[in-house]
C-alpha atoms as a PDB file:
ATOM      1  CA  MET A   1       9.058  19.071  -2.114  1.00  0.00           C
ATOM      2  CA  SER A   2      11.886  17.399  -4.221  1.00  0.00           C
ATOM      3  CA  ASN A   3      11.344  13.622  -5.454  1.00  0.00           C
ATOM      4  CA  ASN A   4      14.074  12.518  -3.172  1.00  0.00           C
ATOM      5  CA  ASP A   5      12.803  13.848   0.142  1.00  0.00           C
ATOM      6  CA  ASP A   6      11.691  11.697   2.766  1.00  0.00           C
ATOM      7  CA  ILE A   7       8.118  12.381   4.046  1.00  0.00           C
ATOM      8  CA  THR A   8       6.338  11.221   7.543  1.00  0.00           C
ATOM      9  CA  LEU A   9       2.659   9.675   6.955  1.00  0.00           C
ATOM     10  CA  ARG A  10       1.372  12.600   8.409  1.00  0.00           C
ATOM     11  CA  ASP A  11       3.236  14.588   5.312  1.00  0.00           C
ATOM     12  CA  ALA A  12       2.018  12.245   3.256  1.00  0.00           C
ATOM     13  CA  GLN A  13      -1.640  12.464   4.267  1.00  0.00           C
ATOM     14  CA  GLN A  14      -1.420  16.236   4.339  1.00  0.00           C
ATOM     15  CA  THR A  15       0.161  16.228   0.650  1.00  0.00           C
ATOM     16  CA  VAL A  16      -2.760  13.850  -0.743  1.00  0.00           C
ATOM     17  CA  ASP A  17      -5.530  15.952   1.113  1.00  0.00           C
ATOM     18  CA  ASN A  18      -4.063  19.171  -0.561  1.00  0.00           C
ATOM     19  CA  TRP A  19      -3.693  17.595  -4.079  1.00  0.00           C
ATOM     20  CA  ILE A  20      -7.290  16.017  -3.781  1.00  0.00           C
ATOM     21  CA  LYS A  21      -8.992  19.738  -2.597  1.00  0.00           C
ATOM     22  CA  THR A  22      -7.099  21.627  -5.299  1.00  0.00           C
ATOM     23  CA  ILE A  23      -6.136  19.530  -8.436  1.00  0.00           C
ATOM     24  CA  GLY A  24      -8.595  16.542  -7.696  1.00  0.00           C
ATOM     25  CA  VAL A  25     -11.466  18.998  -6.880  1.00  0.00           C
ATOM     26  CA  ARG A  26     -12.789  16.738  -4.091  1.00  0.00           C
ATOM     27  CA  TYR A  27     -12.731  13.565  -2.655  1.00  0.00           C
ATOM     28  CA  PHE A  28     -14.505  10.643  -4.420  1.00  0.00           C
ATOM     29  CA  SER A  29     -17.002   8.761  -2.306  1.00  0.00           C
ATOM     30  CA  PRO A  30     -15.663   6.132   0.167  1.00  0.00           C
ATOM     31  CA  LEU A  31     -17.187   3.472  -2.067  1.00  0.00           C
ATOM     32  CA  THR A  32     -15.560   4.649  -5.388  1.00  0.00           C
ATOM     33  CA  ASN A  33     -12.231   4.869  -3.213  1.00  0.00           C
ATOM     34  CA  MET A  34     -12.767   1.182  -2.136  1.00  0.00           C
ATOM     35  CA  ALA A  35     -13.535   0.054  -5.737  1.00  0.00           C
ATOM     36  CA  ILE A  36     -10.189   1.867  -6.891  1.00  0.00           C
ATOM     37  CA  LEU A  37      -8.062   0.174  -3.811  1.00  0.00           C
ATOM     38  CA  ALA A  38      -9.491  -3.431  -5.063  1.00  0.00           C
ATOM     39  CA  GLU A  39      -8.255  -2.063  -8.904  1.00  0.00           C
ATOM     40  CA  GLU A  40      -5.100  -1.179  -7.842  1.00  0.00           C
ATOM     41  CA  THR A  41      -4.681  -4.234  -5.738  1.00  0.00           C
ATOM     42  CA  GLY A  42      -5.512  -6.349  -8.825  1.00  0.00           C
ATOM     43  CA  GLU A  43      -2.846  -4.498 -10.728  1.00  0.00           C
ATOM     44  CA  VAL A  44      -0.081  -5.061  -8.257  1.00  0.00           C
ATOM     45  CA  ALA A  45      -1.152  -8.658  -8.177  1.00  0.00           C
ATOM     46  CA  ARG A  46      -1.029  -8.933 -11.910  1.00  0.00           C
ATOM     47  CA  ILE A  47       2.570  -7.719 -11.829  1.00  0.00           C
ATOM     48  CA  MET A  48       3.444 -10.225  -9.160  1.00  0.00           C
ATOM     49  CA  ALA A  49       1.912 -12.808 -10.925  1.00  0.00           C
ATOM     50  CA  ARG A  50       3.878 -12.331 -14.031  1.00  0.00           C
ATOM     51  CA  ARG A  51       7.151 -11.442 -12.267  1.00  0.00           C
ATOM     52  CA  TYR A  52       7.325 -14.175  -9.657  1.00  0.00           C
ATOM     53  CA  GLY A  53       4.466 -16.430 -10.606  1.00  0.00           C
ATOM     54  CA  ASP A  54       3.953 -18.711 -13.778  1.00  0.00           C
ATOM     55  CA  GLN A  55       2.426 -16.195 -16.064  1.00  0.00           C
ATOM     56  CA  SER A  56       4.551 -14.137 -18.432  1.00  0.00           C
ATOM     57  CA  PHE A  57       3.975 -10.556 -19.536  1.00  0.00           C
ATOM     58  CA  LYS A  58       2.295  -9.388 -22.822  1.00  0.00           C
ATOM     59  CA  GLU A  59       4.340  -8.387 -25.645  1.00  0.00           C
ATOM     60  CA  GLY A  60       4.987  -4.241 -25.122  1.00  0.00           C
ATOM     61  CA  GLU A  61       3.731  -4.413 -21.358  1.00  0.00           C
ATOM     62  CA  THR A  62       5.866  -2.203 -19.202  1.00  0.00           C
ATOM     63  CA  PRO A  63       4.965  -3.246 -15.640  1.00  0.00           C
ATOM     64  CA  ASN A  64       5.933  -0.722 -12.976  1.00  0.00           C
ATOM     65  CA  LEU A  65       5.426  -2.226  -9.430  1.00  0.00           C
ATOM     66  CA  ALA A  66       6.785   0.868  -7.752  1.00  0.00           C
ATOM     67  CA  ASP A  67       4.011   2.981  -9.537  1.00  0.00           C
ATOM     68  CA  GLU A  68       1.286   0.540  -8.767  1.00  0.00           C
ATOM     69  CA  LEU A  69       2.241   0.279  -4.933  1.00  0.00           C
ATOM     70  CA  ALA A  70       2.293   4.078  -5.085  1.00  0.00           C
ATOM     71  CA  ASP A  71      -1.311   4.190  -6.242  1.00  0.00           C
ATOM     72  CA  LEU A  72      -2.398   1.813  -3.597  1.00  0.00           C
ATOM     73  CA  LEU A  73      -0.699   4.012  -1.049  1.00  0.00           C
ATOM     74  CA  TRP A  74      -2.500   6.997  -2.361  1.00  0.00           C
ATOM     75  CA  VAL A  75      -5.816   5.375  -2.367  1.00  0.00           C
ATOM     76  CA  THR A  76      -5.356   4.078   0.863  1.00  0.00           C
ATOM     77  CA  ILE A  77      -4.086   7.438   2.286  1.00  0.00           C
ATOM     78  CA  ALA A  78      -7.290   8.929   0.674  1.00  0.00           C
ATOM     79  CA  ILE A  79      -9.741   6.678   2.516  1.00  0.00           C
ATOM     80  CA  ALA A  80      -7.889   7.242   5.972  1.00  0.00           C
ATOM     81  CA  ASN A  81      -8.188  11.107   5.291  1.00  0.00           C
ATOM     82  CA  GLN A  82     -11.889  10.868   4.555  1.00  0.00           C
ATOM     83  CA  SER A  83     -12.504   8.399   7.540  1.00  0.00           C
ATOM     84  CA  GLY A  84     -10.633  10.695   9.780  1.00  0.00           C
ATOM     85  CA  ILE A  85      -7.867   8.155  10.477  1.00  0.00           C
ATOM     86  CA  ASP A  86      -4.223   9.360  11.326  1.00  0.00           C
ATOM     87  CA  LEU A  87      -1.889   6.676   9.583  1.00  0.00           C
ATOM     88  CA  SER A  88       0.962   7.255  11.894  1.00  0.00           C
ATOM     89  CA  GLU A  89      -0.939   6.552  15.043  1.00  0.00           C
ATOM     90  CA  ALA A  90      -2.657   3.684  13.322  1.00  0.00           C
ATOM     91  CA  PHE A  91       0.509   2.102  11.982  1.00  0.00           C
ATOM     92  CA  MET A  92       2.347   2.194  15.340  1.00  0.00           C
ATOM     93  CA  ASN A  93      -0.825   0.929  16.943  1.00  0.00           C
ATOM     94  CA  ASN A  94      -0.747  -2.075  14.638  1.00  0.00           C
ATOM     95  CA  LEU A  95       2.982  -2.536  14.990  1.00  0.00           C
ATOM     96  CA  LYS A  96       2.532  -2.824  18.771  1.00  0.00           C
ATOM     97  CA  LYS A  97      -0.353  -5.344  18.241  1.00  0.00           C
ATOM     98  CA  LYS A  98       1.846  -7.555  15.764  1.00  0.00           C
ATOM     99  CA  THR A  99       4.779  -7.639  18.337  1.00  0.00           C
ATOM    100  CA  ILE A 100       2.902  -8.492  21.372  1.00  0.00           C
ATOM    101  CA  ARG A 101       0.752 -11.164  19.176  1.00  0.00           C
ATOM    102  CA  ASP A 102       3.702 -12.416  17.329  1.00  0.00           C
ATOM    103  CA  LYS A 103       6.462 -12.265  19.512  1.00  0.00           C
ATOM    104  CA  ASP A 104       7.353 -15.645  19.343  1.00  0.00           C
ATOM    105  CA  ARG A 105       5.189 -17.069  16.418  1.00  0.00           C
ATOM    106  CA  HIS A 106       7.229 -16.517  13.418  1.00  0.00           C
ATOM    107  CA  CYS A 107      10.532 -17.538  15.020  1.00  0.00           C
ATOM    108  CA  ASN A 108       8.932 -20.781  16.150  1.00  0.00           C
ATOM    109  CA  ASN A 109       7.549 -21.647  12.768  1.00  0.00           C
ATOM    110  CA  PRO A 110       9.333 -24.371  10.833  1.00  0.00           C
ATOM    111  CA  LYS A 111       8.126 -23.159   7.627  1.00  0.00           C
ATOM    112  CA  LEU A 112      10.059 -20.139   7.983  1.00  0.00           C
ATOM    113  CA  THR A 113      13.106 -21.362   9.868  1.00  0.00           C
ATOM    114  CA  GLU A 114      13.692 -24.504   7.661  1.00  0.00           C
ATOM    115  CA  ASN A 115      16.101 -24.011   4.650  1.00  0.00           C
ATOM    116  CA  ASN A 116      13.713 -23.947   1.914  1.00  0.00           C
ATOM    117  CA  ASN A 117      13.448 -22.571  -1.628  1.00  0.00           C
ATOM    118  CA  ASN A 118      10.148 -20.862  -1.145  1.00  0.00           C
END
């Protein structure tokens, strides 16, 4: 698979599973993966706080939001795999839920429809 190939969520789940079982040896425990998820979320938050918030980057720091988001995706996929979750199915079910629940919610939210600078 080249770097420019689009993959489905199922493809990604299979790729992560294959990698973990060969190069990674085995899955980390679910608790370890949860800790890694929290750690990676913090790294994304750190970049966002510095890029869009009031903090500044340290000298020599080379933030890579794309890489940190990919780390989040990777560990999310690993957790789904070891929990027997089909992320394609889960994503579509989640989208349906949000569509039904939020059908009018956001378009009627003045915070989102007003012209503001936030």
